[in-house]
Structure formats: C-alpha cells, structure tokens
Amino acid sequence: MVYSIFQMDVTCGAYFVFLNRRRDRMKVLYWDGDGLALWYKRLEKGSFPLPKGTDFLERRQFFMLLEGVVPQSVQKRYKVS
C-alpha cells in the first residue's frame, strides 16, 4: 500500500499513518532500522481530528493527532530551513 499509494519506499524513515473510516482507530507503520514496526491506537470515545487539505503531516501535526488536540487555527511563527 505504501508503494502503490504514496509512491515512497517504506524504509525512508517516514511514519505512515492510516485511519479507519470512523477515525477512531489509527495504525502507524515505520521502519525501525532492522524491520517494520506497527503502532495501533484505538479511542474509547471520539475520533482523531484530521487536518484538512493535506496528505502529509508535519511532526507537530502528527503529535497533536496522537494526543487528540483539535487545532482551531494553527499558524507557524517562523519557518525553519
């Protein structure tokens, strides 16, 4: 699925996040250096908020998604290059 949809190599170091339709279950697939690792998180109540209009998450957005933080209006103060 990673190769066909994202057209990326699973060993590139990225975290691949998959949500179910109800967005109450999340799987995170990543390369651990010597094999693939899979995290699974299931919410008892509610759903994971998903940023609109993007297929890729930044590190900050990923951690907010894991914690269930719903960003109302998140703006970066500066861009690190």
N, C-alpha and C. Protein backbone atom coordinates (compact mmCIF):
# COMPACT_ATOMS: atom_id res chain seq x y z
N MET A 1 0.82 -1.19 0.00
CA MET A 1 0.00 0.00 0.00
C MET A 1 0.87 1.26 0.00
N VAL A 2 1.97 1.25 0.76
CA VAL A 2 2.86 2.40 0.81
C VAL A 2 3.47 2.65 -0.56
N TYR A 3 3.90 1.58 -1.22
CA TYR A 3 4.49 1.74 -2.55
C TYR A 3 3.47 2.22 -3.57
N SER A 4 2.27 1.66 -3.56
CA SER A 4 1.28 1.98 -4.59
C SER A 4 0.60 3.32 -4.39
N ILE A 5 0.29 3.70 -3.17
CA ILE A 5 -0.45 4.95 -2.92
C ILE A 5 0.49 6.14 -2.74
N PHE A 6 1.47 6.00 -1.84
CA PHE A 6 2.36 7.12 -1.53
C PHE A 6 3.55 7.21 -2.49
N GLN A 7 3.82 6.12 -3.21
CA GLN A 7 4.96 6.03 -4.11
C GLN A 7 6.26 6.40 -3.38
N MET A 8 6.39 5.82 -2.19
CA MET A 8 7.58 6.04 -1.37
C MET A 8 8.10 4.68 -0.91
N ASP A 9 9.37 4.65 -0.56
CA ASP A 9 9.98 3.46 -0.01
C ASP A 9 9.69 3.42 1.48
N VAL A 10 9.24 2.29 1.97
CA VAL A 10 8.86 2.17 3.38
C VAL A 10 10.08 2.31 4.31
N THR A 11 11.28 2.14 3.78
CA THR A 11 12.49 2.24 4.59
C THR A 11 13.07 3.66 4.59
N CYS A 12 12.33 4.65 4.12
CA CYS A 12 12.85 6.02 4.00
C CYS A 12 12.89 6.76 5.35
N GLY A 13 12.30 6.22 6.38
CA GLY A 13 12.32 6.87 7.69
C GLY A 13 11.04 7.62 8.03
N ALA A 14 10.10 7.67 7.10
CA ALA A 14 8.83 8.36 7.34
C ALA A 14 7.89 7.46 8.14
N TYR A 15 6.95 8.09 8.83
CA TYR A 15 5.89 7.37 9.53
C TYR A 15 4.65 7.42 8.64
N PHE A 16 4.03 6.28 8.40
CA PHE A 16 2.84 6.21 7.56
C PHE A 16 1.64 5.97 8.46
N VAL A 17 0.71 6.92 8.46
CA VAL A 17 -0.44 6.90 9.36
C VAL A 17 -1.68 6.51 8.57
N PHE A 18 -2.40 5.52 9.09
CA PHE A 18 -3.63 5.05 8.47
C PHE A 18 -4.76 5.13 9.49
N LEU A 19 -5.87 5.72 9.09
CA LEU A 19 -7.06 5.82 9.95
C LEU A 19 -8.20 5.05 9.31
N ASN A 20 -9.08 4.50 10.15
CA ASN A 20 -10.26 3.85 9.61
C ASN A 20 -11.31 4.91 9.26
N ARG A 21 -12.42 4.50 8.70
CA ARG A 21 -13.44 5.47 8.25
C ARG A 21 -14.00 6.31 9.38
N ARG A 22 -14.20 5.70 10.53
CA ARG A 22 -14.74 6.45 11.67
C ARG A 22 -13.67 7.26 12.39
N ARG A 23 -12.42 7.07 12.02
CA ARG A 23 -11.27 7.76 12.59
C ARG A 23 -11.14 7.55 14.10
N ASP A 24 -11.57 6.38 14.58
CA ASP A 24 -11.38 6.07 15.99
C ASP A 24 -10.25 5.05 16.19
N ARG A 25 -9.63 4.61 15.09
CA ARG A 25 -8.51 3.67 15.16
C ARG A 25 -7.41 4.13 14.23
N MET A 26 -6.19 4.03 14.72
CA MET A 26 -5.04 4.50 13.95
C MET A 26 -3.96 3.43 13.95
N LYS A 27 -3.35 3.25 12.78
CA LYS A 27 -2.17 2.40 12.66
C LYS A 27 -1.04 3.26 12.12
N VAL A 28 0.13 3.12 12.71
CA VAL A 28 1.31 3.85 12.26
C VAL A 28 2.37 2.83 11.90
N LEU A 29 2.82 2.88 10.65
CA LEU A 29 3.82 1.96 10.15
C LEU A 29 5.12 2.71 9.92
N TYR A 30 6.22 2.16 10.39
CA TYR A 30 7.52 2.80 10.16
C TYR A 30 8.63 1.76 10.16
N TRP A 31 9.75 2.13 9.57
CA TRP A 31 10.93 1.27 9.52
C TRP A 31 11.77 1.51 10.77
N ASP A 32 12.07 0.44 11.49
CA ASP A 32 12.76 0.54 12.77
C ASP A 32 14.27 0.34 12.65
N GLY A 33 14.78 0.24 11.45
CA GLY A 33 16.20 0.02 11.25
C GLY A 33 16.52 -1.40 10.87
N ASP A 34 15.82 -2.35 11.48
CA ASP A 34 16.04 -3.75 11.12
C ASP A 34 14.74 -4.48 10.79
N GLY A 35 13.66 -3.73 10.70
CA GLY A 35 12.37 -4.32 10.34
C GLY A 35 11.26 -3.29 10.47
N LEU A 36 10.07 -3.68 10.06
CA LEU A 36 8.92 -2.79 10.16
C LEU A 36 8.30 -2.87 11.54
N ALA A 37 7.84 -1.73 12.04
CA ALA A 37 7.15 -1.67 13.33
C ALA A 37 5.76 -1.10 13.09
N LEU A 38 4.82 -1.52 13.88
CA LEU A 38 3.44 -1.08 13.73
C LEU A 38 2.90 -0.66 15.09
N TRP A 39 2.39 0.57 15.16
CA TRP A 39 1.68 1.03 16.36
C TRP A 39 0.19 1.00 16.05
N TYR A 40 -0.59 0.71 17.07
CA TYR A 40 -2.04 0.68 16.91
C TYR A 40 -2.64 1.41 18.10
N LYS A 41 -3.54 2.34 17.82
CA LYS A 41 -4.19 3.08 18.90
C LYS A 41 -5.69 3.11 18.60
N ARG A 42 -6.49 2.78 19.63
CA ARG A 42 -7.94 2.78 19.50
C ARG A 42 -8.52 3.71 20.55
N LEU A 43 -9.38 4.61 20.13
CA LEU A 43 -10.01 5.54 21.05
C LEU A 43 -11.29 4.94 21.61
N GLU A 44 -11.52 5.14 22.89
CA GLU A 44 -12.77 4.69 23.52
C GLU A 44 -13.92 5.61 23.15
N LYS A 45 -13.63 6.92 23.06
CA LYS A 45 -14.65 7.91 22.71
C LYS A 45 -14.06 8.88 21.72
N GLY A 46 -14.90 9.41 20.84
CA GLY A 46 -14.45 10.44 19.91
C GLY A 46 -13.71 9.89 18.72
N SER A 47 -13.07 10.79 18.00
CA SER A 47 -12.31 10.41 16.82
C SER A 47 -11.07 11.28 16.71
N PHE A 48 -10.12 10.83 15.92
CA PHE A 48 -8.90 11.59 15.70
C PHE A 48 -9.22 12.76 14.77
N PRO A 49 -8.83 13.97 15.14
CA PRO A 49 -9.02 15.11 14.24
C PRO A 49 -8.01 15.02 13.10
N LEU A 50 -8.45 15.30 11.90
CA LEU A 50 -7.56 15.21 10.75
C LEU A 50 -7.45 16.57 10.09
N PRO A 51 -6.22 17.07 9.93
CA PRO A 51 -6.06 18.36 9.24
C PRO A 51 -6.59 18.27 7.81
N LYS A 52 -7.32 19.28 7.39
CA LYS A 52 -7.95 19.25 6.07
C LYS A 52 -6.98 19.72 5.00
N GLY A 53 -7.12 19.13 3.83
CA GLY A 53 -6.40 19.60 2.67
C GLY A 53 -4.95 19.14 2.56
N THR A 54 -4.57 18.10 3.30
CA THR A 54 -3.20 17.63 3.19
C THR A 54 -3.13 16.11 3.32
N ASP A 55 -2.22 15.52 2.60
CA ASP A 55 -1.98 14.09 2.70
C ASP A 55 -0.77 13.79 3.57
N PHE A 56 0.02 14.83 3.87
CA PHE A 56 1.23 14.66 4.66
C PHE A 56 1.14 15.50 5.92
N LEU A 57 1.61 14.94 7.02
CA LEU A 57 1.61 15.64 8.30
C LEU A 57 3.03 16.00 8.68
N GLU A 58 3.19 17.16 9.26
CA GLU A 58 4.47 17.52 9.86
C GLU A 58 4.55 16.86 11.22
N ARG A 59 5.73 16.87 11.79
CA ARG A 59 5.95 16.25 13.10
C ARG A 59 5.00 16.81 14.16
N ARG A 60 4.85 18.11 14.20
CA ARG A 60 3.97 18.76 15.17
C ARG A 60 2.52 18.31 14.99
N GLN A 61 2.06 18.25 13.73
CA GLN A 61 0.70 17.82 13.46
C GLN A 61 0.49 16.36 13.86
N PHE A 62 1.50 15.53 13.63
CA PHE A 62 1.41 14.11 13.99
C PHE A 62 1.23 13.94 15.50
N PHE A 63 2.03 14.64 16.29
CA PHE A 63 1.92 14.51 17.73
C PHE A 63 0.61 15.09 18.26
N MET A 64 0.13 16.16 17.64
CA MET A 64 -1.18 16.69 18.05
C MET A 64 -2.28 15.69 17.72
N LEU A 65 -2.16 15.01 16.59
CA LEU A 65 -3.13 13.99 16.21
C LEU A 65 -3.14 12.85 17.22
N LEU A 66 -1.96 12.40 17.65
CA LEU A 66 -1.88 11.33 18.65
C LEU A 66 -2.51 11.73 19.97
N GLU A 67 -2.33 12.98 20.37
CA GLU A 67 -2.87 13.45 21.65
C GLU A 67 -4.33 13.86 21.57
N GLY A 68 -4.87 13.96 20.36
CA GLY A 68 -6.27 14.33 20.21
C GLY A 68 -6.51 15.82 20.24
N VAL A 69 -5.48 16.62 20.03
CA VAL A 69 -5.61 18.07 20.02
C VAL A 69 -6.28 18.50 18.73
N VAL A 70 -7.32 19.31 18.85
CA VAL A 70 -8.03 19.82 17.68
C VAL A 70 -7.55 21.24 17.41
N PRO A 71 -6.73 21.42 16.38
CA PRO A 71 -6.25 22.78 16.10
C PRO A 71 -7.35 23.64 15.48
N GLN A 72 -7.63 24.76 16.09
CA GLN A 72 -8.62 25.68 15.53
C GLN A 72 -7.99 26.52 14.44
N SER A 73 -6.90 27.16 14.78
CA SER A 73 -6.18 27.98 13.82
C SER A 73 -4.70 27.95 14.19
N VAL A 74 -3.99 27.02 13.65
CA VAL A 74 -2.58 26.88 13.98
C VAL A 74 -1.78 27.59 12.90
N GLN A 75 -0.96 28.54 13.31
CA GLN A 75 -0.11 29.24 12.39
C GLN A 75 1.32 29.16 12.90
N LYS A 76 2.25 28.98 11.99
CA LYS A 76 3.65 28.93 12.38
C LYS A 76 4.15 30.35 12.58
N ARG A 77 4.97 30.52 13.62
CA ARG A 77 5.56 31.84 13.85
C ARG A 77 6.73 32.08 12.93
N TYR A 78 7.42 31.03 12.57
CA TYR A 78 8.58 31.15 11.68
C TYR A 78 8.81 29.82 10.99
N LYS A 79 9.57 29.84 9.93
CA LYS A 79 9.88 28.63 9.18
C LYS A 79 11.35 28.29 9.37
N VAL A 80 11.61 27.06 9.79
CA VAL A 80 12.97 26.60 9.98
C VAL A 80 13.44 25.97 8.68
N SER A 81 14.56 26.44 8.18
CA SER A 81 15.07 25.88 6.92
C SER A 81 16.34 25.12 7.10
